[in-house]
C-alpha atoms as a PDB file:
ATOM      1  CA  MET A   1      -4.873   0.728  -9.184  1.00  0.00           C
ATOM      2  CA  PRO A   2      -2.750   2.907  -6.841  1.00  0.00           C
ATOM      3  CA  LEU A   3      -3.111   2.468  -3.103  1.00  0.00           C
ATOM      4  CA  VAL A   4      -4.417   5.625  -1.428  1.00  0.00           C
ATOM      5  CA  LEU A   5      -3.993   5.506   2.335  1.00  0.00           C
ATOM      6  CA  GLY A   6      -5.026   9.009   3.378  1.00  0.00           C
ATOM      7  CA  THR A   7      -3.694  11.087   6.223  1.00  0.00           C
ATOM      8  CA  ALA A   8      -4.745  10.903   9.853  1.00  0.00           C
ATOM      9  CA  GLU A   9      -6.452  14.271   9.375  1.00  0.00           C
ATOM     10  CA  HIS A  10      -8.452  12.885   6.440  1.00  0.00           C
ATOM     11  CA  TRP A  11      -9.734   9.914   8.477  1.00  0.00           C
ATOM     12  CA  LEU A  12     -10.550  12.053  11.522  1.00  0.00           C
ATOM     13  CA  ARG A  13     -12.556  14.352   9.254  1.00  0.00           C
ATOM     14  CA  ARG A  14     -14.423  11.328   7.873  1.00  0.00           C
ATOM     15  CA  ALA A  15     -15.130  10.140  11.434  1.00  0.00           C
ATOM     16  CA  GLN A  16     -16.627  13.516  12.315  1.00  0.00           C
ATOM     17  CA  GLU A  17     -18.744  13.497   9.159  1.00  0.00           C
ATOM     18  CA  ALA A  18     -20.082  10.059  10.105  1.00  0.00           C
ATOM     19  CA  ARG A  19     -20.891  11.259  13.641  1.00  0.00           C
ATOM     20  CA  ASP A  20     -22.664  14.313  12.222  1.00  0.00           C
ATOM     21  CA  MET A  21     -24.735  12.045   9.992  1.00  0.00           C
ATOM     22  CA  ALA A  22     -25.545   9.767  12.939  1.00  0.00           C
ATOM     23  CA  GLU A  23     -26.921  12.734  14.891  1.00  0.00           C
ATOM     24  CA  GLN A  24     -29.472  13.320  12.141  1.00  0.00           C
ATOM     25  CA  MET A  25     -30.671   9.721  11.969  1.00  0.00           C
ATOM     26  CA  VAL A  26     -33.909   8.766  13.699  1.00  0.00           C
ATOM     27  CA  ASP A  27     -33.570   4.989  13.307  1.00  0.00           C
ATOM     28  CA  PRO A  28     -31.570   3.728  16.329  1.00  0.00           C
ATOM     29  CA  GLU A  29     -30.009   0.807  14.444  1.00  0.00           C
ATOM     30  CA  ALA A  30     -28.912   3.051  11.587  1.00  0.00           C
ATOM     31  CA  ARG A  31     -27.493   5.539  14.096  1.00  0.00           C
ATOM     32  CA  GLN A  32     -25.510   2.792  15.837  1.00  0.00           C
ATOM     33  CA  ALA A  33     -24.210   1.515  12.510  1.00  0.00           C
ATOM     34  CA  MET A  34     -23.038   5.000  11.527  1.00  0.00           C
ATOM     35  CA  LEU A  35     -21.344   5.472  14.905  1.00  0.00           C
ATOM     36  CA  ALA A  36     -19.562   2.153  14.352  1.00  0.00           C
ATOM     37  CA  VAL A  37     -18.352   3.481  10.997  1.00  0.00           C
ATOM     38  CA  ALA A  38     -17.042   6.592  12.774  1.00  0.00           C
ATOM     39  CA  ASP A  39     -15.213   4.415  15.305  1.00  0.00           C
ATOM     40  CA  GLY A  40     -13.637   2.494  12.448  1.00  0.00           C
ATOM     41  CA  TYR A  41     -12.456   5.709  10.823  1.00  0.00           C
ATOM     42  CA  GLU A  42     -10.822   6.717  14.118  1.00  0.00           C
ATOM     43  CA  ILE A  43      -8.938   3.411  14.208  1.00  0.00           C
ATOM     44  CA  VAL A  44      -7.727   4.028  10.660  1.00  0.00           C
ATOM     45  CA  ALA A  45      -6.688   7.556  11.709  1.00  0.00           C
ATOM     46  CA  LYS A  46      -4.567   6.155  14.548  1.00  0.00           C
ATOM     47  CA  ARG A  47      -2.868   3.769  12.144  1.00  0.00           C
ATOM     48  CA  ALA A  48      -2.278   6.668   9.726  1.00  0.00           C
ATOM     49  CA  GLU A  49      -0.734   8.723  12.552  1.00  0.00           C
ATOM     50  CA  ALA A  50       1.639   5.861  13.321  1.00  0.00           C
ATOM     51  CA  ARG A  51       2.488   5.453   9.640  1.00  0.00           C
ATOM     52  CA  GLU A  52       3.158   9.195   9.322  1.00  0.00           C
ATOM     53  CA  ALA A  53       5.444   9.018  12.367  1.00  0.00           C
ATOM     54  CA  GLY A  54       7.304   6.039  10.905  1.00  0.00           C
ATOM     55  CA  VAL A  55       6.176   3.687  13.666  1.00  0.00           C
ATOM     56  CA  PRO A  56       5.854   0.111  12.405  1.00  0.00           C
ATOM     57  CA  MET A  57       2.384  -1.325  12.891  1.00  0.00           C
ATOM     58  CA  PRO A  58       1.590  -5.023  13.193  1.00  0.00           C
ATOM     59  CA  ASN A  59      -0.489  -6.613  10.458  1.00  0.00           C
ATOM     60  CA  TYR A  60      -3.801  -7.504  12.063  1.00  0.00           C
ATOM     61  CA  PRO A  61      -6.023 -10.190  10.569  1.00  0.00           C
ATOM     62  CA  LYS A  62      -9.129  -8.846   8.845  1.00  0.00           C
ATOM     63  CA  GLY A  63     -11.905  -7.980  11.260  1.00  0.00           C
ATOM     64  CA  SER A  64      -9.706  -7.742  14.362  1.00  0.00           C
ATOM     65  CA  GLY A  65      -9.514  -3.952  14.476  1.00  0.00           C
END
């Protein structure tokens, strides 16, 4: 299976979609979970920006951000 990393723009778009979904949620825990997803997408976007710029990124252990 090929590895698809996506562009920074792609991940920022996904983050905005998640925030838009969170705005529509009435359950506070679900809203917080969706906002956490959006935050995660923004982290991935920053890593994609660095990758696109050719900046080496450290390999973080799983779950460390």
